[in-house]
Protein backbone atom coordinates (compact mmCIF):
# COMPACT_ATOMS: atom_id res chain seq x y z
CA MET A 1 90.91 -8.72 151.59
CA MET A 2 88.77 -10.55 153.43
CA THR A 3 89.23 -11.97 156.84
CA SER A 4 88.83 -15.54 155.44
CA ASP A 5 91.59 -15.03 153.16
CA LEU A 6 94.06 -15.06 156.39
CA VAL A 7 93.18 -18.59 157.14
CA ASP A 8 95.53 -20.97 155.26
CA PRO A 9 93.47 -23.93 154.11
CA SER A 10 96.34 -26.63 154.65
CA GLU A 11 95.75 -25.98 158.53
CA GLY A 12 92.33 -27.32 158.78
CA ASP A 13 89.45 -26.08 160.69
CA PRO A 14 90.31 -23.37 163.18
CA LYS A 15 87.28 -24.59 165.78
CA PRO A 16 89.78 -27.33 167.66
CA ALA A 17 92.28 -24.68 168.70
CA ARG A 18 89.92 -22.31 170.18
CA GLN A 19 88.05 -25.02 171.48
CA ALA A 20 91.35 -26.01 173.04
CA SER A 21 92.03 -22.10 174.28
CA ALA A 22 88.45 -22.32 175.29
CA GLU A 23 89.45 -25.31 177.99
CA ARG A 24 92.99 -23.75 178.69
CA ALA A 25 90.46 -20.59 180.06
CA ALA A 26 88.20 -22.51 182.15
CA ALA A 27 91.28 -23.56 183.64
CA ALA A 28 92.96 -20.79 184.44
CA ALA A 29 89.67 -19.42 185.55
CA MET A 30 89.28 -22.12 188.23
CA VAL A 31 92.85 -21.82 189.67
CA ALA A 32 92.31 -17.96 189.93
CA GLU A 33 88.84 -18.61 191.68
CA ALA A 34 90.30 -20.95 193.98
CA LYS A 35 93.20 -18.49 195.13
CA ALA A 36 90.46 -15.30 195.50
CA ARG A 37 88.50 -17.86 197.58
CA GLY A 38 91.43 -19.08 199.65
CA LEU A 39 90.55 -22.33 198.45
CA ALA A 40 92.74 -25.07 197.51
CA LEU A 41 92.39 -26.81 194.16
CA THR A 42 92.33 -29.92 195.41
CA GLY A 43 91.97 -32.10 198.57
CA PRO A 44 89.15 -32.65 200.88
CA ASP A 45 88.04 -29.06 200.86
CA GLY A 46 89.23 -27.87 197.69
CA LEU A 47 87.58 -26.44 194.58
CA LEU A 48 88.01 -29.40 192.97
CA LYS A 49 85.62 -31.23 195.00
CA LEU A 50 83.11 -28.13 194.64
CA PHE A 51 83.41 -28.57 191.02
CA THR A 52 82.74 -32.56 191.00
CA LYS A 53 79.74 -31.25 192.71
CA ASN A 54 78.80 -28.84 190.27
CA VAL A 55 79.17 -31.17 187.46
CA LEU A 56 77.33 -34.05 189.00
CA GLU A 57 74.36 -32.21 190.12
CA THR A 58 73.86 -30.34 186.74
CA ALA A 59 74.46 -34.04 184.70
CA LEU A 60 71.27 -35.02 187.24
CA ASN A 61 69.29 -32.10 186.91
CA GLU A 62 69.57 -32.73 183.00
CA GLU A 63 68.88 -36.43 183.31
CA MET A 64 65.82 -35.18 185.10
CA THR A 65 64.63 -32.84 182.27
CA GLU A 66 65.07 -35.42 179.72
CA HIS A 67 63.08 -37.84 181.68
CA LEU A 68 60.20 -35.19 182.27
CA GLY A 69 60.17 -33.85 179.27
CA HIS A 70 60.39 -30.36 180.27
CA ASP A 71 62.61 -27.79 182.27
CA LYS A 72 62.06 -26.93 185.59
CA ASN A 73 58.74 -25.42 186.05
CA ARG A 74 58.09 -24.83 182.48
CA ALA A 75 55.55 -27.99 182.37
CA ASP A 76 53.21 -27.60 179.10
CA PRO A 77 49.70 -27.79 181.29
CA GLY A 78 48.42 -29.61 178.29
CA ARG A 79 50.66 -32.52 178.61
CA GLU A 80 49.51 -35.85 179.46
CA SER A 81 51.78 -36.62 182.34
CA THR A 82 51.67 -35.12 185.54
CA ASN A 83 54.80 -36.03 186.92
CA VAL A 84 56.80 -33.37 187.76
CA ARG A 85 60.08 -32.63 190.17
CA ASN A 86 59.38 -33.31 193.85
CA GLY A 87 62.34 -31.73 195.17
CA SER A 88 66.00 -33.35 195.95
CA ARG A 89 67.39 -35.71 198.38
CA SER A 90 71.30 -35.22 199.52
CA LYS A 91 73.62 -38.30 198.61
CA THR A 92 77.19 -38.66 199.49
CA VAL A 93 79.68 -40.15 196.49
CA LEU A 94 83.11 -41.03 196.61
CA SER A 95 85.21 -39.97 193.79
CA ASP A 96 88.85 -41.25 193.20
CA ALA A 97 89.60 -37.34 192.43
CA ALA A 98 87.80 -35.58 195.26
CA GLY A 99 87.25 -37.69 197.87
CA ASP A 100 83.58 -37.75 199.37
CA VAL A 101 81.47 -35.43 197.34
CA GLU A 102 77.77 -34.33 198.76
CA ILE A 103 75.53 -33.87 195.98
CA ASP A 104 71.69 -33.06 195.64
CA VAL A 105 70.02 -35.77 193.87
CA PRO A 106 66.44 -34.78 192.22
CA ARG A 107 63.34 -36.42 192.49
CA ASP A 108 60.09 -36.43 190.97
CA ARG A 109 56.75 -37.00 192.22
CA ALA A 110 56.09 -40.81 190.50
CA SER A 111 59.56 -41.59 191.71
CA THR A 112 60.05 -42.82 187.70
CA PHE A 113 63.54 -41.04 187.81
CA GLU A 114 66.51 -43.47 187.21
CA PRO A 115 69.80 -41.63 187.27
CA GLN A 116 72.72 -42.65 185.21
CA ILE A 117 75.19 -40.44 185.88
CA VAL A 118 75.13 -41.86 189.76
CA LYS A 119 72.66 -44.66 189.62
CA LYS A 120 70.60 -45.27 192.43
CA ARG A 121 72.15 -46.64 195.72
CA GLN A 122 75.51 -46.04 193.75
CA ARG A 123 77.85 -44.61 196.51
CA ARG A 124 81.21 -44.93 194.67
CA LEU A 125 82.38 -43.47 190.95
CA THR A 126 83.54 -46.35 188.69
CA ASP A 127 86.97 -44.68 188.68
CA VAL A 128 87.20 -45.74 192.92
CA ASP A 129 86.33 -49.50 191.82
CA GLU A 130 89.14 -49.64 189.53
CA VAL A 131 91.73 -47.88 191.65
CA VAL A 132 90.79 -50.35 194.64
CA LEU A 133 91.48 -53.26 191.71
CA SER A 134 95.00 -51.60 190.28
CA LEU A 135 96.02 -51.49 194.46
CA TYR A 136 95.14 -54.47 195.29
CA ALA A 137 96.18 -56.20 192.49
CA LYS A 138 99.90 -54.91 193.01
CA GLY A 139 99.80 -56.74 196.76
CA MET A 140 97.84 -54.33 199.01
CA THR A 141 95.72 -55.59 201.60
CA THR A 142 92.03 -54.65 202.23
CA GLY A 143 92.83 -52.59 205.14
CA GLU A 144 96.06 -51.19 203.30
CA VAL A 145 93.48 -50.20 200.43
CA SER A 146 91.24 -48.01 203.01
CA ALA A 147 94.13 -46.57 204.82
CA HIS A 148 95.53 -45.38 201.13
CA PHE A 149 92.08 -43.39 200.28
CA ALA A 150 91.84 -42.04 203.62
CA ASP A 151 95.35 -40.58 203.39
CA ILE A 152 95.16 -39.82 199.54
CA TYR A 153 91.46 -38.76 199.28
CA GLY A 154 90.58 -37.85 202.28
CA ALA A 155 87.56 -40.37 202.33
CA SER A 156 87.17 -43.66 203.65
CA VAL A 157 86.63 -46.94 202.31
CA SER A 158 85.89 -49.77 204.63
CA LYS A 159 87.79 -53.62 203.96
CA GLU A 160 84.76 -54.80 203.75
CA THR A 161 83.92 -52.38 200.77
CA VAL A 162 86.88 -53.17 199.24
CA SER A 163 86.37 -57.10 199.90
CA ARG A 164 82.70 -56.91 198.00
CA ILE A 165 84.37 -54.84 194.84
CA THR A 166 87.73 -57.32 194.85
CA ASP A 167 84.57 -60.46 195.04
CA LYS A 168 82.81 -59.16 192.25
CA VAL A 169 85.84 -59.07 189.77
CA VAL A 170 86.47 -62.55 191.28
CA ALA A 171 83.20 -63.78 189.74
CA GLU A 172 83.93 -61.82 186.73
CA MET A 173 87.38 -63.33 186.49
CA ASN A 174 85.97 -66.99 186.63
CA ASP A 175 83.46 -66.39 183.70
CA TRP A 176 86.21 -65.24 181.73
CA VAL A 177 88.92 -68.15 182.51
CA GLY A 178 86.28 -70.49 181.65
CA ARG A 179 85.31 -68.76 178.30
CA PRO A 180 85.21 -70.92 175.09
CA LEU A 181 88.36 -70.36 173.12
CA ASP A 182 89.21 -70.91 169.06
CA SER A 183 89.35 -74.50 167.65
CA VAL A 184 92.96 -74.25 166.40
CA TYR A 185 95.93 -71.90 167.53
CA ALA A 186 98.88 -71.26 165.24
CA ALA A 187 101.09 -71.15 168.57
CA VAL A 188 100.56 -71.70 172.07
CA PHE A 189 103.12 -70.44 174.34
CA ILE A 190 103.20 -71.78 177.78
CA ASP A 191 105.34 -71.05 180.69
CA ALA A 192 105.14 -70.66 184.90
CA VAL A 193 106.66 -68.48 187.43
CA HIS A 194 106.49 -68.96 191.22
CA VAL A 195 105.11 -65.81 193.41
CA LYS A 196 104.60 -65.88 197.09
CA VAL A 197 101.14 -66.02 197.73
CA ARG A 198 99.74 -65.73 201.51
CA ASP A 199 97.06 -68.22 202.01
CA GLY A 200 96.79 -68.74 205.24
CA GLN A 201 100.89 -68.68 205.86
CA VAL A 202 103.44 -67.21 202.94
CA ALA A 203 104.72 -69.75 200.50
CA ASN A 204 105.68 -70.20 197.10
CA ARG A 205 103.06 -71.15 194.70
CA PRO A 206 103.08 -71.88 190.75
CA VAL A 207 101.18 -69.43 188.13
CA TYR A 208 100.78 -71.66 185.02
CA ALA A 209 100.21 -69.13 182.07
CA ALA A 210 99.66 -69.43 178.33
CA ILE A 211 99.14 -67.48 175.65
CA GLY A 212 97.53 -68.46 172.19
CA VAL A 213 98.60 -67.07 168.59
CA THR A 214 95.52 -67.10 166.16
CA VAL A 215 95.28 -67.98 162.67
CA ASP A 216 95.45 -64.40 162.06
CA GLY A 217 98.69 -63.31 163.97
CA CYS A 218 96.77 -62.07 167.39
CA LYS A 219 97.33 -63.13 170.60
CA ASP A 220 95.76 -63.43 173.63
CA VAL A 221 96.25 -64.93 177.13
CA LEU A 222 94.25 -68.01 177.23
CA GLY A 223 94.20 -68.60 180.88
CA LEU A 224 96.35 -68.16 184.32
CA TRP A 225 96.01 -71.35 186.77
CA MET A 226 97.36 -71.37 190.25
CA GLY A 227 99.00 -74.38 191.38
CA VAL A 228 101.08 -75.94 194.13
CA GLY A 229 104.18 -77.02 195.16
CA SER A 230 106.52 -76.98 191.95
CA GLU A 231 105.91 -76.76 188.48
CA GLY A 232 105.09 -80.05 186.79
CA ALA A 233 104.19 -81.85 183.75
CA LYS A 234 101.25 -83.61 185.61
CA PHE A 235 99.79 -80.02 186.08
CA TRP A 236 100.23 -78.71 182.86
CA MET A 237 98.35 -82.02 181.29
CA SER A 238 95.38 -80.65 183.37
CA VAL A 239 95.79 -77.17 182.01
CA LEU A 240 96.33 -78.71 178.43
CA VAL A 241 93.12 -80.42 178.90
CA ASP A 242 91.21 -77.81 179.82
CA LEU A 243 92.20 -75.65 177.03
CA LYS A 244 90.60 -78.18 174.76
CA ASN A 245 87.51 -78.57 176.96
CA ARG A 246 87.01 -75.03 176.31
CA GLY A 247 87.36 -75.39 172.37
CA VAL A 248 90.97 -75.87 171.02
CA ARG A 249 91.08 -79.09 168.85
CA ASP A 250 94.26 -78.43 167.42
CA VAL A 251 97.38 -76.21 167.69
CA LEU A 252 100.76 -76.41 164.80
CA PHE A 253 103.13 -75.04 167.68
CA LEU A 254 103.22 -74.95 171.01
CA VAL A 255 106.55 -73.45 172.75
CA CYS A 256 107.44 -74.42 176.12
CA ASP A 257 110.71 -73.97 178.45
CA GLY A 258 111.79 -78.08 178.27
CA LEU A 259 110.13 -79.20 181.16
CA LYS A 260 110.75 -82.83 181.56
CA GLY A 261 108.12 -84.75 180.63
CA LEU A 262 106.04 -82.07 179.00
CA PRO A 263 106.12 -83.36 175.28
CA GLU A 264 104.42 -86.62 176.20
CA VAL A 265 101.78 -84.61 177.90
CA VAL A 266 101.10 -82.53 174.66
CA ALA A 267 101.03 -85.94 172.53
CA ASN A 268 98.09 -87.12 174.69
CA VAL A 269 96.35 -84.29 174.40
CA TRP A 270 97.13 -82.87 170.32
CA PRO A 271 98.82 -86.01 168.94
CA GLN A 272 99.90 -83.79 165.70
CA THR A 273 101.36 -80.33 167.59
CA ILE A 274 105.09 -79.86 167.12
CA VAL A 275 106.81 -78.97 170.82
CA GLN A 276 109.25 -76.24 170.17
CA THR A 277 111.63 -75.77 172.99
CA CYS A 278 112.18 -72.00 173.64
CA VAL A 279 115.82 -71.56 172.65
CA VAL A 280 116.46 -68.74 174.88
CA HIS A 281 115.96 -71.18 178.02
CA LEU A 282 118.40 -73.38 176.45
CA ILE A 283 120.96 -71.09 176.04
CA ARG A 284 120.51 -70.14 179.79
CA ASN A 285 120.77 -73.41 180.88
CA THR A 286 123.92 -73.67 179.15
CA PHE A 287 126.04 -71.40 181.00
CA ARG A 288 125.18 -72.79 184.38
CA LEU A 289 126.85 -76.01 183.08
CA VAL A 290 130.17 -73.86 182.03
CA GLY A 291 132.94 -71.95 183.87
CA ARG A 292 132.58 -68.13 183.35
CA GLN A 293 136.06 -68.26 181.89
CA ASP A 294 134.92 -70.06 179.01
CA TRP A 295 131.29 -68.11 178.37
CA ASP A 296 132.94 -66.15 175.59
CA ALA A 297 134.12 -69.16 173.74
CA VAL A 298 131.29 -71.20 174.35
CA LYS A 299 128.90 -68.78 172.84
CA ARG A 300 130.60 -68.36 169.80
CA ASP A 301 130.43 -71.98 169.21
CA ILE A 302 126.77 -72.91 169.99
CA LYS A 303 125.68 -69.97 167.65
CA PRO A 304 126.26 -71.75 164.68
CA ILE A 305 123.53 -74.72 166.00
CA TYR A 306 120.80 -72.63 166.71
CA ALA A 307 121.36 -70.20 163.95
CA ALA A 308 122.37 -72.76 161.68
CA PRO A 309 120.15 -73.00 157.68
CA ASN A 310 118.78 -76.08 158.54
CA PRO A 311 118.41 -79.16 160.93
CA ASN A 312 121.32 -81.04 159.08
CA ALA A 313 123.83 -78.03 159.62
CA ALA A 314 122.75 -77.41 162.84
CA LEU A 315 123.72 -81.26 163.59
CA ILE A 316 127.05 -81.17 162.40
CA ALA A 317 127.56 -77.98 164.26
CA MET A 318 126.22 -79.58 167.58
CA ASP A 319 129.03 -82.32 166.50
CA GLU A 320 131.91 -79.74 166.48
CA LEU A 321 130.97 -78.33 169.66
CA ASP A 322 130.88 -81.71 170.97
CA GLU A 323 134.58 -83.15 169.96
CA LYS A 324 135.73 -79.38 171.37
CA TRP A 325 134.00 -79.43 174.75
CA GLY A 326 132.84 -82.96 175.41
CA ARG A 327 135.27 -83.44 177.66
CA LYS A 328 135.37 -80.49 179.73
CA TYR A 329 131.41 -80.01 179.55
CA ALA A 330 129.90 -83.54 179.46
CA ALA A 331 126.66 -82.43 181.24
CA MET A 332 126.44 -79.29 178.43
CA ILE A 333 126.45 -81.53 175.47
CA ARG A 334 124.10 -84.03 177.41
CA LEU A 335 121.74 -80.92 177.87
CA TRP A 336 121.84 -80.41 174.15
CA ARG A 337 121.71 -83.84 172.88
CA ASN A 338 118.33 -84.74 175.16
CA ALA A 339 116.51 -81.47 174.05
CA TRP A 340 117.58 -81.99 170.60
CA GLU A 341 114.24 -83.41 169.34
CA GLU A 342 112.34 -80.48 170.61
CA PHE A 343 115.08 -77.96 169.67
CA VAL A 344 115.21 -78.50 166.01
CA PRO A 345 111.95 -78.44 164.56
CA PHE A 346 112.12 -74.43 164.15
CA LEU A 347 114.91 -74.58 161.91
CA ASP A 348 112.52 -75.91 159.04
CA TYR A 349 110.96 -72.70 158.96
CA ASP A 350 111.87 -69.17 157.51
CA VAL A 351 113.42 -66.35 159.66
CA GLU A 352 110.19 -64.31 160.40
CA ILE A 353 108.85 -67.97 161.48
CA ARG A 354 111.66 -68.84 163.55
CA ARG A 355 111.74 -65.61 165.52
CA VAL A 356 108.17 -65.94 166.79
CA ILE A 357 108.52 -69.68 167.78
CA CYS A 358 111.89 -69.93 169.14
CA SER A 359 111.35 -68.56 172.64
CA THR A 360 108.55 -67.92 175.08
CA ASN A 361 109.35 -64.45 175.11
CA ALA A 362 105.66 -63.81 174.34
CA ILE A 363 104.60 -64.79 177.77
CA GLU A 364 107.71 -62.77 179.70
CA SER A 365 105.20 -59.84 179.85
CA LEU A 366 103.17 -61.68 182.26
CA ASN A 367 105.82 -62.86 184.34
CA ALA A 368 107.44 -59.73 184.34
CA ARG A 369 104.06 -58.24 186.23
CA TYR A 370 104.51 -61.21 188.47
CA ARG A 371 108.35 -60.04 189.79
CA ARG A 372 107.32 -56.03 190.03
CA ALA A 373 104.52 -56.77 192.35
CA VAL A 374 106.71 -59.56 194.54
CA ARG A 375 109.38 -56.99 194.46
CA ALA A 376 107.50 -54.04 195.53
CA ARG A 377 105.05 -55.93 197.91
CA GLY A 378 106.90 -59.11 199.08
CA HIS A 379 104.18 -61.64 198.70
CA PHE A 380 100.66 -61.55 197.16
CA PRO A 381 97.59 -61.05 199.82
CA THR A 382 95.22 -64.08 198.24
CA GLU A 383 94.92 -66.80 196.06
CA PRO A 384 92.93 -65.01 193.20
CA PHE A 385 94.71 -61.86 192.64
CA PRO A 386 98.29 -63.32 191.44
CA VAL A 387 95.72 -63.76 188.20
CA VAL A 388 94.17 -60.44 188.49
CA GLY A 389 97.19 -58.68 188.89
CA SER A 390 99.14 -60.13 186.36
CA GLY A 391 97.30 -59.35 183.33
CA TRP A 392 93.17 -60.72 183.34
CA ARG A 393 91.90 -57.18 183.12
CA ARG A 394 94.08 -55.87 180.46
CA HIS A 395 93.46 -59.09 178.06
CA ALA A 396 90.07 -60.00 178.88
CA GLY A 397 88.64 -57.31 176.63
CA GLY A 398 90.43 -58.67 173.19
CA VAL A 399 93.37 -59.78 171.59
CA GLU A 400 96.41 -57.62 170.22
CA VAL A 401 98.58 -57.95 167.06
CA LEU A 402 101.30 -60.36 167.69
CA ASN A 403 104.72 -58.18 168.61
CA GLU A 404 107.68 -60.86 167.38
CA GLY A 405 110.03 -61.11 169.76
CA ALA A 406 114.01 -61.44 168.72
CA GLY A 407 115.41 -64.40 168.68
CA PRO A 408 118.63 -65.62 170.56
CA ARG A 409 121.34 -63.41 169.39
């Protein structure tokens, strides 16, 4: 029997397994070498730093070979170019995994070598920038980010360096905020959340957010706007006008939380848009007006309204709710009556569409990030970073398929 007969074709090519074994063997050898040399694997003087140095220097020398067209001391005498290696220069770069790493960067006699793995004047590896942004977005000040690098990586990153990194990202963020948008969206979800921001002094500031669902069923963050004071329809007018100026000509559904004056604002910007009140918000507000002892009973009685097969059936259920609870909870009845025109539109559509447009759940993930950051930190350090921290870095790269949120149960 030939050895090839021992390989089951259904198992596929065995090379990846051998490659994985080789990688594990290399890792094991690295750990063994660290122990044999009395070195820690990680830390300022760990073997990982030496490994990083070797990898970077090897890559740089390979780049130089490609640039010159020949290996070290292997130049062809008949070549046209006279450019050759010209020693090296010492350079220290910062890696988030290994801290400060001193490397030797090769030079060429004509000074035309432009390294890519560690570019000229580059002092930080790109992953370090991502760490700075992540920490800052979570609410750390520039001084705390610098201290974090010193404690964790044994490296020094000045507050000025952190500020330069974040200022660069703010410029990129501003470009993203003003980018052109699609001309038509099937739905736009809007909501605001209040966060604490230190801008001279710590104060509550509303962050207005809008997520759009394209005609292809994908969603994307359309924009994030920092407001002042409390949430208001007047500021939402400026938000919607901004979206229109960036190319949004029409929206089929706009889903909101029922803020007073918002339907009129939407009508001024997109006259044909259907305004849908978030049913989840409406139900939550209902229980704020009902005694706890009646929660279970009221819950049963309002379900026939939002689960009705059509608007007429919902109106019948609403009248029954009024007849049963109107005297005891008149404010609850007024809440539903006042919201009725913006509540019923979703009942004209199939269940699949209802689940998408009946609530602002699509935007809640953004608000959840704000709340987690505020709980962890207490406040954001400066104004732009609630925007960065809330998802700009995550969403600026593209859209994601809409995940239909479950409607009220």
